[in-house]
Amino acid sequence: MARFPSTTPGFENRNGQRVIASTGFASETFPGQTVYRMRCVHCGHEYGSNGYDIHLRRCPGHQDGVRGERLREAGPGLFGAMGD
């Protein structure tokens, strides 16, 4: 699968929206895209964005950006936490 600079954790777009991590979940609004956890560097708001939109995202909390993708947490792994 191709990797793009805008989907790399730490990437920050011109609006101050930073990629935190890939959630590993498929986008519910854009087929073929993965959802990424985003954080606004100005206010700390976190939200989901598909990979296609990252470069132009604005904060839904204070920059009138669209709400974004639903953030979901992955369930526990097959063997649980290390040391259990």
C-alpha atoms as a PDB file:
ATOM      1  CA  MET A   1       0.000   0.000   0.000  1.00  0.00           C
ATOM      2  CA  ALA A   2       1.310   3.446  -0.870  1.00  0.00           C
ATOM      3  CA  ARG A   3       2.282   5.801   1.978  1.00  0.00           C
ATOM      4  CA  PHE A   4       1.801   9.513   1.617  1.00  0.00           C
ATOM      5  CA  PRO A   5       3.498  12.220   3.703  1.00  0.00           C
ATOM      6  CA  SER A   6       0.118  13.602   4.795  1.00  0.00           C
ATOM      7  CA  THR A   7      -0.828  10.282   6.469  1.00  0.00           C
ATOM      8  CA  THR A   8       2.419   9.954   8.443  1.00  0.00           C
ATOM      9  CA  PRO A   9       2.063  10.532  12.198  1.00  0.00           C
ATOM     10  CA  GLY A  10       3.428  13.986  13.020  1.00  0.00           C
ATOM     11  CA  PHE A  11       2.395  15.534   9.691  1.00  0.00           C
ATOM     12  CA  GLU A  12       0.821  18.947  10.258  1.00  0.00           C
ATOM     13  CA  ASN A  13      -1.184  20.750   7.585  1.00  0.00           C
ATOM     14  CA  ARG A  14      -1.182  24.522   7.034  1.00  0.00           C
ATOM     15  CA  ASN A  15      -4.232  24.874   9.317  1.00  0.00           C
ATOM     16  CA  GLY A  16      -2.442  23.348  12.325  1.00  0.00           C
ATOM     17  CA  GLN A  17      -4.103  19.927  12.131  1.00  0.00           C
ATOM     18  CA  ARG A  18      -1.687  17.131  13.093  1.00  0.00           C
ATOM     19  CA  VAL A  19      -1.882  13.409  12.325  1.00  0.00           C
ATOM     20  CA  ILE A  20      -1.625  11.395  15.545  1.00  0.00           C
ATOM     21  CA  ALA A  21      -2.040   7.841  14.217  1.00  0.00           C
ATOM     22  CA  SER A  22      -3.941   5.589  11.865  1.00  0.00           C
ATOM     23  CA  THR A  23      -6.947   4.013  13.554  1.00  0.00           C
ATOM     24  CA  GLY A  24      -6.822   1.032  11.215  1.00  0.00           C
ATOM     25  CA  PHE A  25     -10.547   1.398  10.517  1.00  0.00           C
ATOM     26  CA  ALA A  26     -12.044   2.014   7.091  1.00  0.00           C
ATOM     27  CA  SER A  27     -13.688   5.348   6.343  1.00  0.00           C
ATOM     28  CA  GLU A  28     -17.470   5.352   6.552  1.00  0.00           C
ATOM     29  CA  THR A  29     -17.735   8.265   4.106  1.00  0.00           C
ATOM     30  CA  PHE A  30     -14.955   7.716   1.568  1.00  0.00           C
ATOM     31  CA  PRO A  31     -14.577   4.165   0.213  1.00  0.00           C
ATOM     32  CA  GLY A  32     -11.034   2.841   0.113  1.00  0.00           C
ATOM     33  CA  GLN A  33      -9.715   5.286   2.722  1.00  0.00           C
ATOM     34  CA  THR A  34      -8.492   4.705   6.284  1.00  0.00           C
ATOM     35  CA  VAL A  35      -9.473   6.898   9.246  1.00  0.00           C
ATOM     36  CA  TYR A  36      -6.677   8.798  11.006  1.00  0.00           C
ATOM     37  CA  ARG A  37      -6.779  10.364  14.470  1.00  0.00           C
ATOM     38  CA  MET A  38      -6.199  14.106  14.131  1.00  0.00           C
ATOM     39  CA  ARG A  39      -5.445  16.752  16.770  1.00  0.00           C
ATOM     40  CA  CYS A  40      -5.693  20.511  16.434  1.00  0.00           C
ATOM     41  CA  VAL A  41      -2.407  22.049  17.645  1.00  0.00           C
ATOM     42  CA  HIS A  42      -4.266  25.236  18.611  1.00  0.00           C
ATOM     43  CA  CYS A  43      -6.999  23.831  20.885  1.00  0.00           C
ATOM     44  CA  GLY A  44      -6.242  20.110  21.290  1.00  0.00           C
ATOM     45  CA  HIS A  45      -9.543  18.930  19.763  1.00  0.00           C
ATOM     46  CA  GLU A  46      -9.279  15.351  18.436  1.00  0.00           C
ATOM     47  CA  TYR A  47     -11.331  13.922  15.599  1.00  0.00           C
ATOM     48  CA  GLY A  48     -11.153  11.463  12.724  1.00  0.00           C
ATOM     49  CA  SER A  49     -10.258  12.196   9.140  1.00  0.00           C
ATOM     50  CA  ASN A  50      -9.942   9.969   6.116  1.00  0.00           C
ATOM     51  CA  GLY A  51      -6.515  10.055   4.490  1.00  0.00           C
ATOM     52  CA  TYR A  52      -7.756  11.931   1.444  1.00  0.00           C
ATOM     53  CA  ASP A  53      -8.848  15.002   3.445  1.00  0.00           C
ATOM     54  CA  ILE A  54      -5.910  15.449   5.828  1.00  0.00           C
ATOM     55  CA  HIS A  55      -4.029  18.058   3.798  1.00  0.00           C
ATOM     56  CA  LEU A  56      -6.948  20.521   3.869  1.00  0.00           C
ATOM     57  CA  ARG A  57      -8.674  19.784   7.188  1.00  0.00           C
ATOM     58  CA  ARG A  58      -9.728  22.554   9.568  1.00  0.00           C
ATOM     59  CA  CYS A  59     -10.585  22.035  13.233  1.00  0.00           C
ATOM     60  CA  PRO A  60     -14.271  21.193  13.769  1.00  0.00           C
ATOM     61  CA  GLY A  61     -13.962  22.766  17.215  1.00  0.00           C
ATOM     62  CA  HIS A  62     -12.985  26.314  16.257  1.00  0.00           C
ATOM     63  CA  GLN A  63     -12.094  26.659  12.557  1.00  0.00           C
ATOM     64  CA  ASP A  64     -15.538  25.761  11.164  1.00  0.00           C
ATOM     65  CA  GLY A  65     -14.205  22.438   9.863  1.00  0.00           C
ATOM     66  CA  VAL A  66     -16.549  19.563   9.111  1.00  0.00           C
ATOM     67  CA  ARG A  67     -17.241  17.170  11.975  1.00  0.00           C
ATOM     68  CA  GLY A  68     -15.007  14.418  10.645  1.00  0.00           C
ATOM     69  CA  GLU A  69     -15.031  10.649  10.830  1.00  0.00           C
ATOM     70  CA  ARG A  70     -16.110   8.664  13.869  1.00  0.00           C
ATOM     71  CA  LEU A  71     -13.173   7.640  16.057  1.00  0.00           C
ATOM     72  CA  ARG A  72     -13.245   4.048  17.259  1.00  0.00           C
ATOM     73  CA  GLU A  73     -10.807   2.243  19.487  1.00  0.00           C
ATOM     74  CA  ALA A  74      -9.450  -1.167  18.511  1.00  0.00           C
ATOM     75  CA  GLY A  75     -10.488  -4.026  20.752  1.00  0.00           C
ATOM     76  CA  PRO A  76      -8.024  -6.006  22.840  1.00  0.00           C
ATOM     77  CA  GLY A  77      -5.492  -8.103  20.950  1.00  0.00           C
ATOM     78  CA  LEU A  78      -5.541 -11.878  20.735  1.00  0.00           C
ATOM     79  CA  PHE A  79      -3.210 -12.292  23.719  1.00  0.00           C
ATOM     80  CA  GLY A  80      -4.228  -9.243  25.792  1.00  0.00           C
ATOM     81  CA  ALA A  81      -1.731  -6.822  27.289  1.00  0.00           C
ATOM     82  CA  MET A  82       1.862  -7.895  27.716  1.00  0.00           C
ATOM     83  CA  GLY A  83       2.559  -9.286  31.176  1.00  0.00           C
ATOM     84  CA  ASP A  84      -1.012 -10.499  31.836  1.00  0.00           C
END
